[in-house]
Amino acid sequence: MNSIKYFNGIASKWNVIRSEYFEERLKYKVLSKADIKNKIVADLGCGTGFISLELANEAKLVFSIDNSVNMLKELKKSSINKNFNNVYPLKSSLEDITLFDESLDAIFINMALHHIRNADKAIGEMSRILKKGGVIVISDVMEHNGEWAREEMFDEWLGFSNSQISEWLIKSNFKNIHIENTDLTCKGYSSKGEYTETGIFIASAIKS
């Protein structure tokens, strides 16, 4: 099994599973980092729409991008139920994003970067599709030692350090970098009962 098969398999249960990992209020902290009113935005690694469905309340267009077709199907159902007509689910790798250069005002990627093998390349792609002066918001876990997550959840990275994120953002032509180590945590148990709890950071920056 790989990460795509894993997430396709749990898509219908993901909203419940996710709620056990981190608190709902994370989305409000994330959304406070950028002005999205009437803007064209993207939610990368969108899953079932934890961030996307909030963005849709104010954004002009929301491109919801994920590699899991089943996750996108769940998102589509929810957006129809909420009568949103501005959410566009797209299947795409985050290392080669299916969007035009400089086409977005803001990009959000929540709890997805640690699933990307070439995370720095993905940030470069985000820079490519973001307009000059556009905002990037990355929310993810801080470094931890929960090795079980590599095997059971297909994590490529056991979190990130602030310096690592800053370095990648600078390399990809971002400025005004701000990283908040929040009071929120991400918690999980392995199938063998191993417990891991780590902090959540939110990084924001502007494309030069």
Protein backbone atom coordinates (compact mmCIF):
# COMPACT_ATOMS: atom_id res chain seq x y z
CA MET A 1 0.00 0.00 0.00
CA ASN A 2 1.07 3.61 -0.61
CA SER A 3 -0.27 6.92 0.70
CA ILE A 4 -2.78 7.34 -2.13
CA LYS A 5 -4.32 3.91 -1.49
CA TYR A 6 -4.28 4.60 2.24
CA PHE A 7 -6.18 7.88 1.93
CA ASN A 8 -8.56 6.48 -0.69
CA GLY A 9 -9.36 3.70 1.77
CA ILE A 10 -10.16 5.96 4.73
CA ALA A 11 -11.78 8.88 2.88
CA SER A 12 -15.34 8.13 4.02
CA LYS A 13 -14.19 8.07 7.66
CA TRP A 14 -11.61 10.83 7.44
CA ASN A 15 -13.65 13.60 9.10
CA VAL A 16 -13.97 11.48 12.24
CA ILE A 17 -10.34 10.30 12.15
CA ARG A 18 -9.03 13.81 11.59
CA SER A 19 -11.03 15.21 14.51
CA GLU A 20 -9.11 12.86 16.81
CA TYR A 21 -5.75 14.22 15.59
CA PHE A 22 -6.22 17.96 16.00
CA GLU A 23 -8.79 20.52 17.11
CA GLU A 24 -11.34 22.27 14.92
CA ARG A 25 -10.02 25.67 15.95
CA LEU A 26 -6.87 25.09 13.91
CA LYS A 27 -8.79 26.12 10.78
CA TYR A 28 -9.63 29.52 12.24
CA LYS A 29 -6.02 30.18 13.21
CA VAL A 30 -4.96 29.19 9.68
CA LEU A 31 -7.55 31.36 7.94
CA SER A 32 -6.61 34.39 10.03
CA LYS A 33 -3.21 34.48 8.29
CA ALA A 34 -4.47 35.75 4.93
CA ASP A 35 -7.18 37.97 3.47
CA ILE A 36 -9.18 35.73 1.13
CA LYS A 37 -12.28 37.83 0.48
CA ASN A 38 -13.13 37.60 -3.24
CA LYS A 39 -9.70 36.09 -3.92
CA ILE A 40 -8.64 33.06 -5.97
CA VAL A 41 -7.13 30.54 -3.59
CA ALA A 42 -6.00 26.92 -3.36
CA ASP A 43 -6.14 24.34 -0.60
CA LEU A 44 -3.38 21.80 -1.26
CA GLY A 45 -3.71 18.30 0.15
CA CYS A 46 -7.29 19.33 0.85
CA GLY A 47 -8.60 15.92 1.96
CA THR A 48 -12.34 16.11 2.58
CA GLY A 49 -12.31 19.90 2.84
CA PHE A 50 -11.40 20.86 6.41
CA ILE A 51 -9.90 24.12 5.09
CA SER A 52 -11.58 24.33 1.66
CA LEU A 53 -15.14 24.51 2.98
CA GLU A 54 -14.21 27.45 5.21
CA LEU A 55 -12.37 29.22 2.40
CA ALA A 56 -15.47 28.89 0.22
CA ASN A 57 -17.41 31.20 2.54
CA GLU A 58 -15.36 34.22 1.45
CA ALA A 59 -13.09 33.35 -1.49
CA LYS A 60 -14.11 33.90 -5.10
CA LEU A 61 -12.73 30.53 -6.23
CA VAL A 62 -11.24 27.63 -4.28
CA PHE A 63 -9.11 25.06 -6.07
CA SER A 64 -9.12 22.02 -3.79
CA ILE A 65 -6.23 19.78 -4.75
CA ASP A 66 -5.46 16.27 -3.59
CA ASN A 67 -3.97 13.03 -4.93
CA SER A 68 -6.84 10.95 -3.50
CA VAL A 69 -9.90 10.70 -5.74
CA ASN A 70 -12.02 9.40 -2.87
CA MET A 71 -11.11 12.35 -0.66
CA LEU A 72 -12.12 14.69 -3.48
CA LYS A 73 -15.43 12.86 -3.88
CA GLU A 74 -16.19 13.39 -0.20
CA LEU A 75 -15.29 17.07 -0.55
CA LYS A 76 -17.56 17.40 -3.60
CA LYS A 77 -20.49 15.90 -1.67
CA SER A 78 -19.98 18.34 1.20
CA SER A 79 -19.66 21.37 -1.09
CA ILE A 80 -22.92 20.40 -2.87
CA ASN A 81 -24.67 19.94 0.49
CA LYS A 82 -23.54 23.42 1.50
CA ASN A 83 -24.60 24.90 -1.86
CA PHE A 84 -21.09 26.08 -2.69
CA ASN A 85 -20.52 26.63 -6.42
CA ASN A 86 -17.02 28.08 -6.05
CA VAL A 87 -15.14 24.92 -5.01
CA TYR A 88 -13.23 23.11 -7.75
CA PRO A 89 -11.76 19.72 -6.74
CA LEU A 90 -8.68 18.71 -8.76
CA LYS A 91 -6.59 15.55 -8.63
CA SER A 92 -2.91 16.47 -8.74
CA SER A 93 0.46 15.72 -7.25
CA LEU A 94 1.75 18.56 -5.10
CA GLU A 95 5.21 18.19 -6.62
CA ASP A 96 3.78 19.05 -10.06
CA ILE A 97 0.63 21.08 -9.48
CA THR A 98 -1.98 21.24 -12.25
CA LEU A 99 -2.45 25.01 -12.16
CA PHE A 100 -1.09 27.88 -14.28
CA ASP A 101 1.84 30.09 -13.27
CA GLU A 102 0.95 33.06 -11.06
CA SER A 103 -2.76 32.20 -11.02
CA LEU A 104 -3.52 32.39 -7.28
CA ASP A 105 -3.81 35.08 -4.62
CA ALA A 106 -3.29 32.70 -1.69
CA ILE A 107 -2.30 29.10 -1.01
CA PHE A 108 -3.09 27.01 2.05
CA ILE A 109 -1.56 23.61 2.82
CA ASN A 110 -2.71 22.07 6.08
CA MET A 111 -1.19 18.87 7.50
CA ALA A 112 -0.13 17.68 4.06
CA LEU A 113 3.49 18.78 3.62
CA HIS A 114 4.79 15.92 5.78
CA HIS A 115 3.31 13.45 3.26
CA ILE A 116 5.38 14.88 0.37
CA ARG A 117 8.75 13.27 -0.24
CA ASN A 118 10.22 16.32 -1.98
CA ALA A 119 8.66 18.93 0.28
CA ASP A 120 11.04 21.66 -0.86
CA LYS A 121 10.09 21.01 -4.49
CA ALA A 122 6.41 21.29 -3.55
CA ILE A 123 7.06 24.71 -1.97
CA GLY A 124 8.78 25.72 -5.21
CA GLU A 125 5.63 24.69 -7.09
CA MET A 126 3.54 26.78 -4.72
CA SER A 127 5.72 29.77 -5.51
CA ARG A 128 5.25 29.13 -9.25
CA ILE A 129 1.44 29.18 -9.13
CA LEU A 130 1.21 32.11 -6.70
CA LYS A 131 0.99 35.70 -7.92
CA LYS A 132 3.64 38.19 -6.83
CA GLY A 133 2.52 39.55 -3.49
CA GLY A 134 0.42 36.42 -2.90
CA VAL A 135 0.35 34.71 0.47
CA ILE A 136 1.32 31.16 1.38
CA VAL A 137 0.11 29.58 4.64
CA ILE A 138 1.62 26.26 5.75
CA SER A 139 0.28 24.52 8.85
CA ASP A 140 1.89 21.27 9.94
CA VAL A 141 3.50 19.42 12.81
CA MET A 142 6.74 20.26 14.56
CA GLU A 143 9.52 17.68 14.69
CA HIS A 144 8.69 14.52 16.64
CA ASN A 145 9.96 10.96 17.11
CA GLY A 146 6.84 8.98 16.22
CA GLU A 147 8.55 6.63 13.76
CA TRP A 148 5.40 4.51 13.54
CA ALA A 149 3.76 7.26 11.48
CA ARG A 150 6.08 6.49 8.55
CA GLU A 151 4.72 2.97 8.24
CA GLU A 152 1.11 3.37 9.36
CA MET A 153 0.25 6.81 7.95
CA PHE A 154 2.82 7.03 5.16
CA ASP A 155 4.45 10.15 6.60
CA GLU A 156 7.55 11.12 4.66
CA TRP A 157 8.66 13.58 7.34
CA LEU A 158 8.40 13.40 11.12
CA GLY A 159 7.48 17.06 11.29
CA PHE A 160 9.60 20.10 10.48
CA SER A 161 11.79 22.62 12.27
CA ASN A 162 11.14 26.34 11.92
CA SER A 163 14.55 26.81 10.31
CA GLN A 164 13.84 24.11 7.71
CA ILE A 165 10.57 25.75 6.66
CA SER A 166 12.18 29.22 6.58
CA GLU A 167 15.06 27.95 4.46
CA TRP A 168 12.71 26.37 1.90
CA LEU A 169 10.53 29.48 1.73
CA ILE A 170 13.54 31.77 1.18
CA LYS A 171 14.85 29.42 -1.51
CA SER A 172 11.48 29.63 -3.31
CA ASN A 173 11.39 33.43 -3.40
CA PHE A 174 9.26 34.17 -0.34
CA LYS A 175 9.73 37.10 2.05
CA ASN A 176 8.11 38.43 5.25
CA ILE A 177 8.25 34.93 6.71
CA HIS A 178 6.46 34.48 10.01
CA ILE A 179 6.21 31.19 11.89
CA GLU A 180 3.88 30.79 14.84
CA ASN A 181 4.39 27.77 17.08
CA THR A 182 0.79 27.51 18.23
CA ASP A 183 -0.69 26.21 21.46
CA LEU A 184 -2.36 23.41 19.47
CA THR A 185 -1.09 19.85 19.28
CA CYS A 186 -1.49 16.87 16.99
CA LYS A 187 -2.06 13.54 18.73
CA GLY A 188 -2.08 9.98 17.48
CA TYR A 189 -1.80 6.33 18.49
CA SER A 190 -0.15 3.57 16.50
CA SER A 191 -1.79 0.17 16.03
CA LYS A 192 0.52 -1.04 18.82
CA GLY A 193 -0.62 1.68 21.21
CA GLU A 194 2.40 3.98 20.79
CA TYR A 195 1.36 7.56 21.56
CA THR A 196 2.77 10.63 19.86
CA GLU A 197 1.86 14.24 20.58
CA THR A 198 3.59 17.16 18.91
CA GLY A 199 3.05 20.88 18.43
CA ILE A 200 1.53 22.51 15.38
CA PHE A 201 3.12 25.48 13.63
CA ILE A 202 1.63 27.93 11.13
CA ALA A 203 4.03 29.56 8.68
CA SER A 204 3.01 32.45 6.45
CA ALA A 205 4.98 34.35 3.84
CA ILE A 206 4.59 36.60 0.81
CA LYS A 207 5.91 35.84 -2.67
CA SER A 208 8.54 38.38 -3.71
